[in-house]
Amino acid sequence: MEKYLAERFSLETLRAELSSPHSEFYFAEADQQIVGYLKINSGEAQTEPQNPRALEIERIYVQKAFHGKKAGKLLCQKAIDIAKAQQAPYVWLGVWEQNHRAVAFYKKNGFVEFDKHIFKLGNDEQTDLMMKLEW
């Protein structure tokens, strides 16, 4: 986990993500503090080859104290709204197969599994379910 965090959330990596014209970040707030965020990717910023017009939800992170309080649902809906406004054919994401809460959340919101891929967490290989929502 430490290796993953050091690589994926280094200042250099975050600067590159923030300056990418194909990635966007959105934040959920409660009581004037950030309680979660969304990162979406389009075009060449998508982490897996997909339809170049599709929109990827790379991250939806919500503080544990706000799980079940609609912050994740609002962030997910924001991604869907953006994808539809851009006339994307679908929105997709990868979620760790052992994150049962997140898998259930996405299924509840209409996402279906369409593939799997290996996700490296440091030196540990884990399986992500690839899920998408088409309209």
Protein backbone atom coordinates (compact mmCIF):
# COMPACT_ATOMS: atom_id res chain seq x y z
CA MET A 1 0.00 0.00 0.00
CA GLU A 2 2.82 2.39 0.88
CA LYS A 3 4.48 1.83 -2.50
CA TYR A 4 1.17 2.38 -4.33
CA LEU A 5 0.42 5.59 -2.42
CA ALA A 6 3.95 6.91 -2.94
CA GLU A 7 3.73 6.30 -6.69
CA ARG A 8 0.10 7.19 -7.45
CA PHE A 9 -0.28 10.14 -5.08
CA SER A 10 3.14 11.75 -5.33
CA LEU A 11 3.23 15.50 -5.90
CA GLU A 12 4.56 14.95 -9.41
CA THR A 13 1.79 12.48 -10.32
CA LEU A 14 -0.94 14.68 -8.87
CA ARG A 15 0.37 17.74 -10.72
CA ALA A 16 0.32 15.79 -13.99
CA GLU A 17 -3.23 14.56 -13.34
CA LEU A 18 -4.46 18.04 -12.45
CA SER A 19 -2.93 19.57 -15.57
CA SER A 20 -4.26 16.91 -17.96
CA PRO A 21 -6.91 18.31 -20.32
CA HIS A 22 -8.56 14.86 -20.30
CA SER A 23 -8.97 14.50 -16.52
CA GLU A 24 -11.29 16.38 -14.20
CA PHE A 25 -11.75 16.43 -10.43
CA TYR A 26 -14.91 17.22 -8.46
CA PHE A 27 -15.36 17.47 -4.71
CA ALA A 28 -18.19 16.71 -2.32
CA GLU A 29 -18.53 19.07 0.63
CA ALA A 30 -20.40 18.93 3.92
CA ASP A 31 -20.24 21.63 6.58
CA GLN A 32 -17.64 23.51 4.51
CA GLN A 33 -15.18 20.62 4.42
CA ILE A 34 -14.32 18.20 1.63
CA VAL A 35 -15.72 14.75 2.37
CA GLY A 36 -15.02 13.05 -0.95
CA TYR A 37 -13.88 13.46 -4.51
CA LEU A 38 -14.37 12.20 -8.04
CA LYS A 39 -11.76 11.86 -10.77
CA ILE A 40 -12.95 11.26 -14.32
CA ASN A 41 -10.93 10.59 -17.47
CA SER A 42 -11.76 10.86 -21.13
CA GLY A 43 -9.89 10.17 -24.34
CA GLU A 44 -6.24 9.28 -23.89
CA ALA A 45 -6.33 9.73 -20.10
CA GLN A 46 -8.45 6.58 -19.65
CA THR A 47 -6.46 3.95 -17.75
CA GLU A 48 -7.53 1.10 -20.07
CA PRO A 49 -8.14 1.19 -23.83
CA GLN A 50 -11.82 1.92 -24.32
CA ASN A 51 -13.99 3.77 -26.74
CA PRO A 52 -12.23 7.16 -26.95
CA ARG A 53 -15.59 8.85 -26.44
CA ALA A 54 -16.33 6.90 -23.24
CA LEU A 55 -15.84 8.45 -19.81
CA GLU A 56 -13.94 6.67 -17.05
CA ILE A 57 -14.59 7.08 -13.36
CA GLU A 58 -11.08 6.50 -12.07
CA ARG A 59 -11.79 7.41 -8.47
CA ILE A 60 -14.71 8.03 -6.17
CA TYR A 61 -13.38 8.33 -2.65
CA VAL A 62 -15.59 9.31 0.28
CA GLN A 63 -14.53 9.61 3.92
CA LYS A 64 -15.77 6.64 5.90
CA ALA A 65 -17.88 8.85 8.18
CA PHE A 66 -19.88 9.85 5.08
CA HIS A 67 -20.50 6.38 3.67
CA GLY A 68 -24.23 5.86 3.20
CA LYS A 69 -24.93 9.60 3.28
CA LYS A 70 -25.31 10.11 -0.48
CA ALA A 71 -21.90 11.73 -1.18
CA GLY A 72 -20.80 8.77 -3.31
CA LYS A 73 -24.15 8.69 -5.12
CA LEU A 74 -23.90 12.41 -5.91
CA LEU A 75 -20.34 12.05 -7.21
CA CYS A 76 -21.32 9.05 -9.34
CA GLN A 77 -24.31 10.95 -10.73
CA LYS A 78 -22.04 13.90 -11.54
CA ALA A 79 -19.88 11.60 -13.69
CA ILE A 80 -22.96 10.19 -15.43
CA ASP A 81 -24.34 13.67 -16.10
CA ILE A 82 -21.01 14.81 -17.58
CA ALA A 83 -20.76 11.69 -19.74
CA LYS A 84 -24.29 12.20 -21.08
CA ALA A 85 -23.65 15.90 -21.73
CA GLN A 86 -20.54 14.93 -23.72
CA GLN A 87 -22.62 12.33 -25.57
CA ALA A 88 -20.34 9.54 -24.35
CA PRO A 89 -21.71 6.08 -25.19
CA TYR A 90 -21.08 4.87 -21.65
CA VAL A 91 -19.29 5.49 -18.38
CA TRP A 92 -16.99 2.82 -16.96
CA LEU A 93 -14.73 2.05 -14.01
CA GLY A 94 -12.54 -0.59 -12.40
CA VAL A 95 -13.28 -1.75 -8.86
CA TRP A 96 -11.38 -4.27 -6.74
CA GLU A 97 -13.34 -7.51 -6.74
CA GLN A 98 -13.00 -7.80 -2.95
CA ASN A 99 -14.52 -4.37 -2.35
CA HIS A 100 -18.00 -5.83 -1.99
CA ARG A 101 -19.53 -2.59 -0.74
CA ALA A 102 -18.35 -0.67 -3.81
CA VAL A 103 -19.35 -3.46 -6.22
CA ALA A 104 -22.84 -3.51 -4.68
CA PHE A 105 -23.02 0.30 -4.90
CA TYR A 106 -22.20 0.30 -8.61
CA LYS A 107 -24.60 -2.56 -9.36
CA LYS A 108 -27.35 -0.72 -7.48
CA ASN A 109 -26.65 2.27 -9.73
CA GLY A 110 -27.00 0.24 -12.94
CA PHE A 111 -23.39 -0.70 -13.70
CA VAL A 112 -22.70 -4.18 -15.08
CA GLU A 113 -19.47 -6.15 -15.22
CA PHE A 114 -17.95 -6.41 -18.70
CA ASP A 115 -14.37 -7.53 -18.11
CA LYS A 116 -11.59 -7.93 -15.53
CA HIS A 117 -8.05 -6.67 -15.32
CA ILE A 118 -5.07 -7.00 -13.03
CA PHE A 119 -4.38 -4.04 -10.78
CA LYS A 120 -0.98 -3.78 -9.12
CA LEU A 121 -1.05 -2.55 -5.56
CA GLY A 122 2.66 -2.20 -4.91
CA ASN A 123 3.99 -5.67 -5.75
CA ASP A 124 0.64 -7.36 -5.11
CA GLU A 125 -1.50 -8.26 -8.13
CA GLN A 126 -5.22 -7.90 -7.54
CA THR A 127 -8.20 -8.37 -9.81
CA ASP A 128 -10.42 -5.42 -10.67
CA LEU A 129 -13.87 -5.88 -12.11
CA MET A 130 -14.45 -3.57 -15.02
CA MET A 131 -18.01 -2.23 -14.93
CA LYS A 132 -19.94 0.10 -17.18
CA LEU A 133 -23.21 1.90 -17.47
CA GLU A 134 -24.63 2.37 -20.96
CA TRP A 135 -27.68 4.35 -21.99
